[in-house]
Amino acid sequence: MLTPAGRNAFREFLRTEFSEENMLFWMACEELKKEANKTVIEEKARTIYEDYISILSPKEVSLDSRVREVINRNMGEPSQHIFDDAQLQIYTLMHRDSYPRFMNSALYKDLLQSLSEKSVEA
């Protein structure tokens, strides 16, 4: 999650597991946290909500009802941290569930092999 290449490889793996929305949600939250303009924060928060939180979204992430309730209450005046609890919940889900499978996947092993070959060439 620390490097763009690592995130891209993990995202590709999530795509094969039909759970790419988790990574997309996490990255959207990271972008929201960097925003300072109140109007842009509101726009981005609404987009994230519609794309990942709304039960009508085809990319809805799996959140418990408590977290979903807090977000719904705070959508009237969203801050750049409105999704922090949800982001942590999704990060934890990926860390415990998807990431261990990624570490054992051919995609990850291929990534390690290509990085190893590049470091030998350098």
N, C-alpha and C. Protein backbone atom coordinates (compact mmCIF):
# COMPACT_ATOMS: atom_id res chain seq x y z
N MET A 1 0.82 -1.19 0.00
CA MET A 1 0.00 0.00 0.00
C MET A 1 0.87 1.26 0.00
N LEU A 2 2.15 1.11 0.30
CA LEU A 2 3.03 2.28 0.42
C LEU A 2 3.52 2.81 -0.91
N THR A 3 3.58 1.96 -1.92
CA THR A 3 4.11 2.41 -3.20
C THR A 3 3.05 2.29 -4.30
N PRO A 4 3.13 3.15 -5.30
CA PRO A 4 2.17 3.04 -6.41
C PRO A 4 2.23 1.67 -7.10
N ALA A 5 3.42 1.14 -7.29
CA ALA A 5 3.55 -0.16 -7.97
C ALA A 5 2.90 -1.27 -7.13
N GLY A 6 3.11 -1.21 -5.83
CA GLY A 6 2.49 -2.20 -4.94
C GLY A 6 0.98 -2.09 -4.94
N ARG A 7 0.48 -0.85 -4.89
CA ARG A 7 -0.98 -0.65 -4.92
C ARG A 7 -1.57 -1.13 -6.23
N ASN A 8 -0.87 -0.85 -7.33
CA ASN A 8 -1.38 -1.29 -8.64
C ASN A 8 -1.43 -2.81 -8.74
N ALA A 9 -0.41 -3.48 -8.26
CA ALA A 9 -0.39 -4.95 -8.30
C ALA A 9 -1.50 -5.52 -7.42
N PHE A 10 -1.67 -4.96 -6.22
CA PHE A 10 -2.72 -5.43 -5.32
C PHE A 10 -4.09 -5.14 -5.93
N ARG A 11 -4.24 -3.98 -6.54
CA ARG A 11 -5.52 -3.63 -7.18
C ARG A 11 -5.84 -4.61 -8.30
N GLU A 12 -4.83 -4.97 -9.10
CA GLU A 12 -5.03 -5.94 -10.17
C GLU A 12 -5.49 -7.29 -9.59
N PHE A 13 -4.88 -7.68 -8.49
CA PHE A 13 -5.29 -8.92 -7.83
C PHE A 13 -6.74 -8.82 -7.35
N LEU A 14 -7.09 -7.69 -6.72
CA LEU A 14 -8.45 -7.50 -6.23
C LEU A 14 -9.46 -7.56 -7.38
N ARG A 15 -9.05 -7.06 -8.54
CA ARG A 15 -9.93 -7.12 -9.71
C ARG A 15 -10.25 -8.58 -10.04
N THR A 16 -9.26 -9.46 -9.93
CA THR A 16 -9.50 -10.88 -10.23
C THR A 16 -10.43 -11.52 -9.19
N GLU A 17 -10.49 -10.93 -8.00
CA GLU A 17 -11.35 -11.44 -6.93
C GLU A 17 -12.69 -10.69 -6.87
N PHE A 18 -12.91 -9.81 -7.80
CA PHE A 18 -14.13 -9.00 -7.85
C PHE A 18 -14.32 -8.18 -6.58
N SER A 19 -13.21 -7.64 -6.06
CA SER A 19 -13.31 -6.77 -4.88
C SER A 19 -12.43 -5.53 -5.04
N GLU A 20 -12.25 -5.10 -6.28
CA GLU A 20 -11.44 -3.93 -6.57
C GLU A 20 -12.00 -2.67 -5.92
N GLU A 21 -13.31 -2.64 -5.69
CA GLU A 21 -13.93 -1.45 -5.09
C GLU A 21 -13.32 -1.12 -3.73
N ASN A 22 -12.84 -2.11 -3.01
CA ASN A 22 -12.22 -1.84 -1.71
C ASN A 22 -10.98 -0.95 -1.87
N MET A 23 -10.14 -1.27 -2.82
CA MET A 23 -8.93 -0.46 -3.05
C MET A 23 -9.31 0.91 -3.61
N LEU A 24 -10.27 0.95 -4.53
CA LEU A 24 -10.69 2.23 -5.10
C LEU A 24 -11.25 3.14 -4.01
N PHE A 25 -12.03 2.58 -3.10
CA PHE A 25 -12.58 3.36 -1.99
C PHE A 25 -11.45 3.87 -1.10
N TRP A 26 -10.50 3.01 -0.76
CA TRP A 26 -9.38 3.39 0.10
C TRP A 26 -8.59 4.54 -0.54
N MET A 27 -8.32 4.43 -1.85
CA MET A 27 -7.55 5.48 -2.54
C MET A 27 -8.35 6.79 -2.61
N ALA A 28 -9.66 6.70 -2.84
CA ALA A 28 -10.50 7.91 -2.88
C ALA A 28 -10.48 8.61 -1.52
N CYS A 29 -10.50 7.85 -0.44
CA CYS A 29 -10.44 8.43 0.91
C CYS A 29 -9.09 9.12 1.14
N GLU A 30 -8.03 8.53 0.66
CA GLU A 30 -6.70 9.13 0.79
C GLU A 30 -6.66 10.48 0.07
N GLU A 31 -7.24 10.53 -1.12
CA GLU A 31 -7.29 11.79 -1.88
C GLU A 31 -8.13 12.83 -1.14
N LEU A 32 -9.25 12.43 -0.58
CA LEU A 32 -10.12 13.34 0.14
C LEU A 32 -9.39 13.97 1.33
N LYS A 33 -8.59 13.20 2.02
CA LYS A 33 -7.85 13.70 3.19
C LYS A 33 -6.88 14.83 2.84
N LYS A 34 -6.42 14.86 1.59
CA LYS A 34 -5.46 15.88 1.16
C LYS A 34 -6.13 17.20 0.80
N GLU A 35 -7.45 17.17 0.67
CA GLU A 35 -8.19 18.34 0.20
C GLU A 35 -8.44 19.34 1.32
N ALA A 36 -8.30 20.63 1.01
CA ALA A 36 -8.54 21.69 2.00
C ALA A 36 -9.76 22.55 1.66
N ASN A 37 -10.11 22.62 0.39
CA ASN A 37 -11.22 23.46 -0.05
C ASN A 37 -12.56 22.82 0.34
N LYS A 38 -13.35 23.53 1.12
CA LYS A 38 -14.62 23.01 1.65
C LYS A 38 -15.58 22.56 0.56
N THR A 39 -15.67 23.33 -0.52
CA THR A 39 -16.57 22.98 -1.62
C THR A 39 -16.12 21.69 -2.30
N VAL A 40 -14.82 21.57 -2.52
CA VAL A 40 -14.27 20.36 -3.16
C VAL A 40 -14.44 19.17 -2.23
N ILE A 41 -14.25 19.37 -0.94
CA ILE A 41 -14.45 18.29 0.04
C ILE A 41 -15.88 17.78 -0.05
N GLU A 42 -16.84 18.70 -0.08
CA GLU A 42 -18.25 18.29 -0.17
C GLU A 42 -18.53 17.52 -1.45
N GLU A 43 -17.97 17.99 -2.57
CA GLU A 43 -18.18 17.31 -3.85
C GLU A 43 -17.56 15.91 -3.84
N LYS A 44 -16.32 15.83 -3.37
CA LYS A 44 -15.63 14.53 -3.34
C LYS A 44 -16.32 13.58 -2.37
N ALA A 45 -16.75 14.09 -1.22
CA ALA A 45 -17.43 13.25 -0.23
C ALA A 45 -18.72 12.69 -0.82
N ARG A 46 -19.47 13.53 -1.53
CA ARG A 46 -20.73 13.07 -2.14
C ARG A 46 -20.44 12.00 -3.20
N THR A 47 -19.41 12.22 -4.00
CA THR A 47 -19.05 11.23 -5.02
C THR A 47 -18.64 9.91 -4.38
N ILE A 48 -17.80 9.97 -3.34
CA ILE A 48 -17.39 8.74 -2.65
C ILE A 48 -18.61 8.04 -2.06
N TYR A 49 -19.49 8.83 -1.46
CA TYR A 49 -20.71 8.25 -0.88
C TYR A 49 -21.52 7.53 -1.95
N GLU A 50 -21.77 8.22 -3.05
CA GLU A 50 -22.59 7.63 -4.12
C GLU A 50 -21.92 6.42 -4.75
N ASP A 51 -20.58 6.45 -4.86
CA ASP A 51 -19.86 5.36 -5.52
C ASP A 51 -19.65 4.14 -4.63
N TYR A 52 -19.47 4.35 -3.31
CA TYR A 52 -19.04 3.23 -2.46
C TYR A 52 -19.87 2.98 -1.20
N ILE A 53 -20.62 3.97 -0.73
CA ILE A 53 -21.36 3.82 0.53
C ILE A 53 -22.83 3.53 0.29
N SER A 54 -23.40 4.21 -0.69
CA SER A 54 -24.83 4.06 -0.98
C SER A 54 -25.18 2.60 -1.26
N ILE A 55 -26.29 2.16 -0.68
CA ILE A 55 -26.72 0.77 -0.92
C ILE A 55 -27.17 0.57 -2.37
N LEU A 56 -27.33 1.66 -3.10
CA LEU A 56 -27.73 1.58 -4.51
C LEU A 56 -26.53 1.45 -5.44
N SER A 57 -25.34 1.62 -4.91
CA SER A 57 -24.14 1.60 -5.74
C SER A 57 -23.74 0.17 -6.12
N PRO A 58 -23.40 -0.05 -7.39
CA PRO A 58 -22.89 -1.37 -7.78
C PRO A 58 -21.50 -1.64 -7.21
N LYS A 59 -20.81 -0.58 -6.73
CA LYS A 59 -19.47 -0.73 -6.15
C LYS A 59 -19.50 -0.57 -4.64
N GLU A 60 -20.64 -0.82 -4.03
CA GLU A 60 -20.79 -0.64 -2.58
C GLU A 60 -19.77 -1.49 -1.82
N VAL A 61 -19.09 -0.88 -0.85
CA VAL A 61 -18.17 -1.63 0.01
C VAL A 61 -18.94 -2.16 1.21
N SER A 62 -18.41 -3.19 1.81
CA SER A 62 -19.08 -3.86 2.92
C SER A 62 -18.71 -3.20 4.25
N LEU A 63 -19.66 -2.45 4.82
CA LEU A 63 -19.44 -1.75 6.09
C LEU A 63 -20.48 -2.19 7.10
N ASP A 64 -20.12 -2.14 8.38
CA ASP A 64 -21.12 -2.45 9.38
C ASP A 64 -22.10 -1.28 9.52
N SER A 65 -23.24 -1.56 10.12
CA SER A 65 -24.32 -0.56 10.17
C SER A 65 -23.95 0.65 11.02
N ARG A 66 -23.13 0.47 12.05
CA ARG A 66 -22.72 1.60 12.89
C ARG A 66 -21.92 2.61 12.08
N VAL A 67 -20.96 2.15 11.33
CA VAL A 67 -20.12 3.05 10.53
C VAL A 67 -20.96 3.73 9.45
N ARG A 68 -21.82 2.97 8.83
CA ARG A 68 -22.69 3.51 7.78
C ARG A 68 -23.61 4.60 8.35
N GLU A 69 -24.12 4.37 9.55
CA GLU A 69 -25.00 5.34 10.22
C GLU A 69 -24.27 6.65 10.51
N VAL A 70 -23.05 6.54 11.02
CA VAL A 70 -22.26 7.74 11.34
C VAL A 70 -22.01 8.54 10.06
N ILE A 71 -21.67 7.86 8.98
CA ILE A 71 -21.44 8.56 7.71
C ILE A 71 -22.72 9.26 7.26
N ASN A 72 -23.83 8.55 7.32
CA ASN A 72 -25.11 9.15 6.91
C ASN A 72 -25.42 10.40 7.72
N ARG A 73 -25.14 10.37 9.02
CA ARG A 73 -25.39 11.54 9.87
C ARG A 73 -24.49 12.71 9.51
N ASN A 74 -23.26 12.41 9.13
CA ASN A 74 -22.27 13.46 8.88
C ASN A 74 -22.26 13.98 7.44
N MET A 75 -23.04 13.39 6.56
CA MET A 75 -23.03 13.82 5.16
C MET A 75 -23.59 15.23 4.98
N GLY A 76 -24.33 15.75 5.95
CA GLY A 76 -24.84 17.12 5.87
C GLY A 76 -23.72 18.13 5.83
N GLU A 77 -22.66 17.87 6.60
CA GLU A 77 -21.48 18.74 6.62
C GLU A 77 -20.22 17.87 6.63
N PRO A 78 -19.88 17.30 5.48
CA PRO A 78 -18.74 16.37 5.46
C PRO A 78 -17.40 17.08 5.62
N SER A 79 -16.49 16.41 6.30
CA SER A 79 -15.10 16.88 6.40
C SER A 79 -14.24 15.89 5.61
N GLN A 80 -12.96 16.21 5.51
CA GLN A 80 -12.08 15.29 4.78
C GLN A 80 -11.84 13.99 5.54
N HIS A 81 -12.35 13.91 6.77
CA HIS A 81 -12.19 12.70 7.58
C HIS A 81 -13.50 11.94 7.79
N ILE A 82 -14.52 12.27 7.02
CA ILE A 82 -15.84 11.65 7.19
C ILE A 82 -15.80 10.14 7.01
N PHE A 83 -14.90 9.65 6.18
CA PHE A 83 -14.86 8.21 5.89
C PHE A 83 -13.75 7.47 6.64
N ASP A 84 -13.11 8.11 7.62
CA ASP A 84 -11.96 7.49 8.29
C ASP A 84 -12.30 6.13 8.90
N ASP A 85 -13.42 6.03 9.62
CA ASP A 85 -13.79 4.73 10.23
C ASP A 85 -14.07 3.69 9.15
N ALA A 86 -14.76 4.11 8.09
CA ALA A 86 -15.06 3.19 7.00
C ALA A 86 -13.78 2.76 6.29
N GLN A 87 -12.87 3.72 6.10
CA GLN A 87 -11.61 3.40 5.43
C GLN A 87 -10.81 2.40 6.26
N LEU A 88 -10.78 2.60 7.56
CA LEU A 88 -10.07 1.66 8.43
C LEU A 88 -10.71 0.28 8.37
N GLN A 89 -12.03 0.23 8.35
CA GLN A 89 -12.73 -1.05 8.30
C GLN A 89 -12.40 -1.79 6.99
N ILE A 90 -12.37 -1.06 5.88
CA ILE A 90 -12.06 -1.68 4.59
C ILE A 90 -10.58 -2.07 4.52
N TYR A 91 -9.70 -1.23 5.06
CA TYR A 91 -8.28 -1.56 5.09
C TYR A 91 -8.06 -2.85 5.90
N THR A 92 -8.72 -2.94 7.04
CA THR A 92 -8.60 -4.12 7.89
C THR A 92 -9.11 -5.36 7.16
N LEU A 93 -10.23 -5.21 6.46
CA LEU A 93 -10.78 -6.32 5.68
C LEU A 93 -9.78 -6.78 4.62
N MET A 94 -9.19 -5.83 3.90
CA MET A 94 -8.21 -6.20 2.87
C MET A 94 -6.98 -6.85 3.51
N HIS A 95 -6.54 -6.28 4.63
CA HIS A 95 -5.33 -6.77 5.31
C HIS A 95 -5.52 -8.21 5.81
N ARG A 96 -6.67 -8.49 6.36
CA ARG A 96 -6.92 -9.82 6.93
C ARG A 96 -7.36 -10.86 5.91
N ASP A 97 -8.04 -10.38 4.85
CA ASP A 97 -8.68 -11.31 3.93
C ASP A 97 -7.95 -11.39 2.58
N SER A 98 -7.95 -10.30 1.85
CA SER A 98 -7.42 -10.32 0.49
C SER A 98 -5.90 -10.33 0.43
N TYR A 99 -5.25 -9.57 1.31
CA TYR A 99 -3.80 -9.43 1.24
C TYR A 99 -3.05 -10.76 1.43
N PRO A 100 -3.43 -11.59 2.39
CA PRO A 100 -2.73 -12.88 2.50
C PRO A 100 -2.85 -13.74 1.23
N ARG A 101 -4.01 -13.70 0.58
CA ARG A 101 -4.17 -14.44 -0.68
C ARG A 101 -3.30 -13.82 -1.78
N PHE A 102 -3.22 -12.48 -1.77
CA PHE A 102 -2.37 -11.79 -2.74
C PHE A 102 -0.91 -12.23 -2.57
N MET A 103 -0.45 -12.32 -1.33
CA MET A 103 0.94 -12.70 -1.06
C MET A 103 1.26 -14.11 -1.58
N ASN A 104 0.24 -14.94 -1.70
CA ASN A 104 0.45 -16.30 -2.21
C ASN A 104 0.10 -16.45 -3.69
N SER A 105 -0.27 -15.35 -4.33
CA SER A 105 -0.73 -15.41 -5.72
C SER A 105 0.43 -15.39 -6.70
N ALA A 106 0.14 -15.86 -7.89
CA ALA A 106 1.12 -15.82 -8.98
C ALA A 106 1.45 -14.36 -9.34
N LEU A 107 0.47 -13.49 -9.25
CA LEU A 107 0.68 -12.08 -9.56
C LEU A 107 1.76 -11.48 -8.66
N TYR A 108 1.68 -11.76 -7.36
CA TYR A 108 2.67 -11.25 -6.42
C TYR A 108 4.04 -11.87 -6.68
N LYS A 109 4.06 -13.16 -6.92
CA LYS A 109 5.34 -13.84 -7.18
C LYS A 109 5.99 -13.31 -8.45
N ASP A 110 5.17 -13.02 -9.47
CA ASP A 110 5.70 -12.42 -10.70
C ASP A 110 6.27 -11.03 -10.44
N LEU A 111 5.58 -10.25 -9.61
CA LEU A 111 6.05 -8.91 -9.26
C LEU A 111 7.40 -9.00 -8.55
N LEU A 112 7.51 -9.90 -7.58
CA LEU A 112 8.79 -10.07 -6.88
C LEU A 112 9.90 -10.48 -7.84
N GLN A 113 9.58 -11.39 -8.74
CA GLN A 113 10.57 -11.86 -9.72
C GLN A 113 11.04 -10.70 -10.59
N SER A 114 10.12 -9.86 -11.07
CA SER A 114 10.52 -8.77 -11.95
C SER A 114 11.32 -7.72 -11.17
N LEU A 115 10.96 -7.48 -9.92
CA LEU A 115 11.73 -6.52 -9.11
C LEU A 115 13.12 -7.06 -8.82
N SER A 116 13.20 -8.36 -8.60
CA SER A 116 14.49 -8.99 -8.33
C SER A 116 15.39 -8.90 -9.55
N GLU A 117 14.81 -9.12 -10.73
CA GLU A 117 15.59 -9.05 -11.97
C GLU A 117 16.06 -7.61 -12.22
N LYS A 118 15.21 -6.62 -11.92
CA LYS A 118 15.60 -5.22 -12.12
C LYS A 118 16.73 -4.82 -11.18
N SER A 119 16.69 -5.32 -9.94
CA SER A 119 17.75 -4.94 -8.99
C SER A 119 19.07 -5.58 -9.36
N VAL A 120 19.03 -6.75 -9.97
CA VAL A 120 20.26 -7.42 -10.42
C VAL A 120 20.86 -6.63 -11.59
N GLU A 121 20.00 -6.12 -12.48
CA GLU A 121 20.47 -5.36 -13.65
C GLU A 121 21.08 -4.01 -13.24
N ALA A 122 20.61 -3.44 -12.14
CA ALA A 122 21.05 -2.10 -11.75
C ALA A 122 22.44 -2.07 -11.18
